Amino acid sequence: MGVLPRLVHSRFGLHVVEVLEREPGVAQPFESVRGAVANALRQQAFVTASRQYLRLLAGAAVVDGVDLEAADTPLVQ
């Protein structure tokens, strides 16, 4: 227990955190978390595909004076 050795960053800024108590985690059976894991993976794949598609669109756009982080080919990582 005690103060964490580094600052914690959140959307509200930087924070000093003091740990007062710890509780051990409990492993859950896969069947009980299968839906949540599938949703998280589906959402991650959607975000990645959307980002790649937007970079392709930006690569096809003609805009002067702005860097759109565009891609020229569909092989976007």
C-alpha atoms as a PDB file:
ATOM      1  CA  MET A   1       0.000   0.000   0.000  1.00  0.00           C
ATOM      2  CA  GLY A   2       1.028   3.608  -0.285  1.00  0.00           C
ATOM      3  CA  VAL A   3       1.361   6.284  -2.930  1.00  0.00           C
ATOM      4  CA  LEU A   4       1.946   5.039  -6.457  1.00  0.00           C
ATOM      5  CA  PRO A   5       5.471   5.854  -7.682  1.00  0.00           C
ATOM      6  CA  ARG A   6       4.158   7.649 -10.802  1.00  0.00           C
ATOM      7  CA  LEU A   7       1.366  10.013 -11.711  1.00  0.00           C
ATOM      8  CA  VAL A   8      -1.861   8.604 -13.152  1.00  0.00           C
ATOM      9  CA  HIS A   9      -3.165  10.323 -16.292  1.00  0.00           C
ATOM     10  CA  SER A  10      -6.908  10.651 -16.941  1.00  0.00           C
ATOM     11  CA  ARG A  11      -9.089  12.872 -19.110  1.00  0.00           C
ATOM     12  CA  PHE A  12      -9.203  15.271 -16.147  1.00  0.00           C
ATOM     13  CA  GLY A  13      -5.421  15.639 -15.842  1.00  0.00           C
ATOM     14  CA  LEU A  14      -2.645  14.101 -13.749  1.00  0.00           C
ATOM     15  CA  HIS A  15      -3.321  12.574 -10.336  1.00  0.00           C
ATOM     16  CA  VAL A  16      -1.384  11.387  -7.296  1.00  0.00           C
ATOM     17  CA  VAL A  17      -2.931   8.092  -6.184  1.00  0.00           C
ATOM     18  CA  GLU A  18      -2.708   6.508  -2.765  1.00  0.00           C
ATOM     19  CA  VAL A  19      -3.586   2.806  -2.542  1.00  0.00           C
ATOM     20  CA  LEU A  20      -5.392   2.089   0.703  1.00  0.00           C
ATOM     21  CA  GLU A  21      -6.531  -1.481   0.117  1.00  0.00           C
ATOM     22  CA  ARG A  22      -6.129  -4.257  -2.426  1.00  0.00           C
ATOM     23  CA  GLU A  23      -8.520  -7.049  -3.292  1.00  0.00           C
ATOM     24  CA  PRO A  24      -7.323 -10.076  -5.234  1.00  0.00           C
ATOM     25  CA  GLY A  25      -8.886 -10.608  -8.646  1.00  0.00           C
ATOM     26  CA  VAL A  26     -11.019 -13.633  -9.411  1.00  0.00           C
ATOM     27  CA  ALA A  27     -10.675 -15.428 -12.744  1.00  0.00           C
ATOM     28  CA  GLN A  28     -14.049 -15.797 -14.417  1.00  0.00           C
ATOM     29  CA  PRO A  29     -15.009 -18.754 -16.597  1.00  0.00           C
ATOM     30  CA  PHE A  30     -14.700 -18.019 -20.316  1.00  0.00           C
ATOM     31  CA  GLU A  31     -18.370 -18.786 -20.940  1.00  0.00           C
ATOM     32  CA  SER A  32     -19.423 -15.986 -18.590  1.00  0.00           C
ATOM     33  CA  VAL A  33     -17.261 -13.390 -20.394  1.00  0.00           C
ATOM     34  CA  ARG A  34     -17.533 -14.718 -23.968  1.00  0.00           C
ATOM     35  CA  GLY A  35     -20.061 -12.056 -25.007  1.00  0.00           C
ATOM     36  CA  ALA A  36     -18.030  -9.172 -23.570  1.00  0.00           C
ATOM     37  CA  VAL A  37     -14.842 -10.452 -25.253  1.00  0.00           C
ATOM     38  CA  ALA A  38     -16.636 -10.843 -28.594  1.00  0.00           C
ATOM     39  CA  ASN A  39     -18.072  -7.317 -28.343  1.00  0.00           C
ATOM     40  CA  ALA A  40     -14.688  -5.812 -27.466  1.00  0.00           C
ATOM     41  CA  LEU A  41     -13.006  -7.570 -30.415  1.00  0.00           C
ATOM     42  CA  ARG A  42     -15.809  -6.566 -32.785  1.00  0.00           C
ATOM     43  CA  GLN A  43     -15.561  -2.932 -31.672  1.00  0.00           C
ATOM     44  CA  GLN A  44     -11.761  -2.944 -32.022  1.00  0.00           C
ATOM     45  CA  ALA A  45     -12.025  -4.390 -35.556  1.00  0.00           C
ATOM     46  CA  PHE A  46     -14.631  -1.745 -36.497  1.00  0.00           C
ATOM     47  CA  VAL A  47     -12.460   1.101 -35.225  1.00  0.00           C
ATOM     48  CA  THR A  48      -9.399  -0.241 -37.082  1.00  0.00           C
ATOM     49  CA  ALA A  49     -11.347  -0.730 -40.327  1.00  0.00           C
ATOM     50  CA  SER A  50     -12.917   2.743 -40.043  1.00  0.00           C
ATOM     51  CA  ARG A  51      -9.529   4.365 -39.468  1.00  0.00           C
ATOM     52  CA  GLN A  52      -8.055   2.545 -42.474  1.00  0.00           C
ATOM     53  CA  TYR A  53     -11.003   3.508 -44.698  1.00  0.00           C
ATOM     54  CA  LEU A  54     -10.746   7.168 -43.685  1.00  0.00           C
ATOM     55  CA  ARG A  55      -7.021   7.157 -44.477  1.00  0.00           C
ATOM     56  CA  LEU A  56      -7.783   5.758 -47.924  1.00  0.00           C
ATOM     57  CA  LEU A  57     -10.391   8.478 -48.493  1.00  0.00           C
ATOM     58  CA  ALA A  58      -7.901  11.102 -47.325  1.00  0.00           C
ATOM     59  CA  GLY A  59      -5.321   9.654 -49.722  1.00  0.00           C
ATOM     60  CA  ALA A  60      -7.721  10.224 -52.622  1.00  0.00           C
ATOM     61  CA  ALA A  61      -8.552  13.786 -51.517  1.00  0.00           C
ATOM     62  CA  VAL A  62      -6.835  16.861 -52.875  1.00  0.00           C
ATOM     63  CA  VAL A  63      -6.316  19.306 -50.012  1.00  0.00           C
ATOM     64  CA  ASP A  64      -3.619  21.965 -49.904  1.00  0.00           C
ATOM     65  CA  GLY A  65      -1.988  23.082 -46.658  1.00  0.00           C
ATOM     66  CA  VAL A  66      -3.226  20.213 -44.462  1.00  0.00           C
ATOM     67  CA  ASP A  67      -1.589  16.890 -43.586  1.00  0.00           C
ATOM     68  CA  LEU A  68      -4.371  14.275 -43.381  1.00  0.00           C
ATOM     69  CA  GLU A  69      -2.136  11.279 -42.520  1.00  0.00           C
ATOM     70  CA  ALA A  70      -3.397   9.698 -45.714  1.00  0.00           C
ATOM     71  CA  ALA A  71      -2.655   6.323 -47.277  1.00  0.00           C
ATOM     72  CA  ASP A  72      -2.038   5.683 -50.973  1.00  0.00           C
ATOM     73  CA  THR A  73      -2.802   1.966 -50.937  1.00  0.00           C
ATOM     74  CA  PRO A  74      -5.348  -0.251 -49.162  1.00  0.00           C
ATOM     75  CA  LEU A  75      -2.467  -1.917 -47.291  1.00  0.00           C
ATOM     76  CA  VAL A  76      -2.931   0.298 -44.230  1.00  0.00           C
ATOM     77  CA  GLN A  77      -1.762  -0.768 -40.787  1.00  0.00           C
END
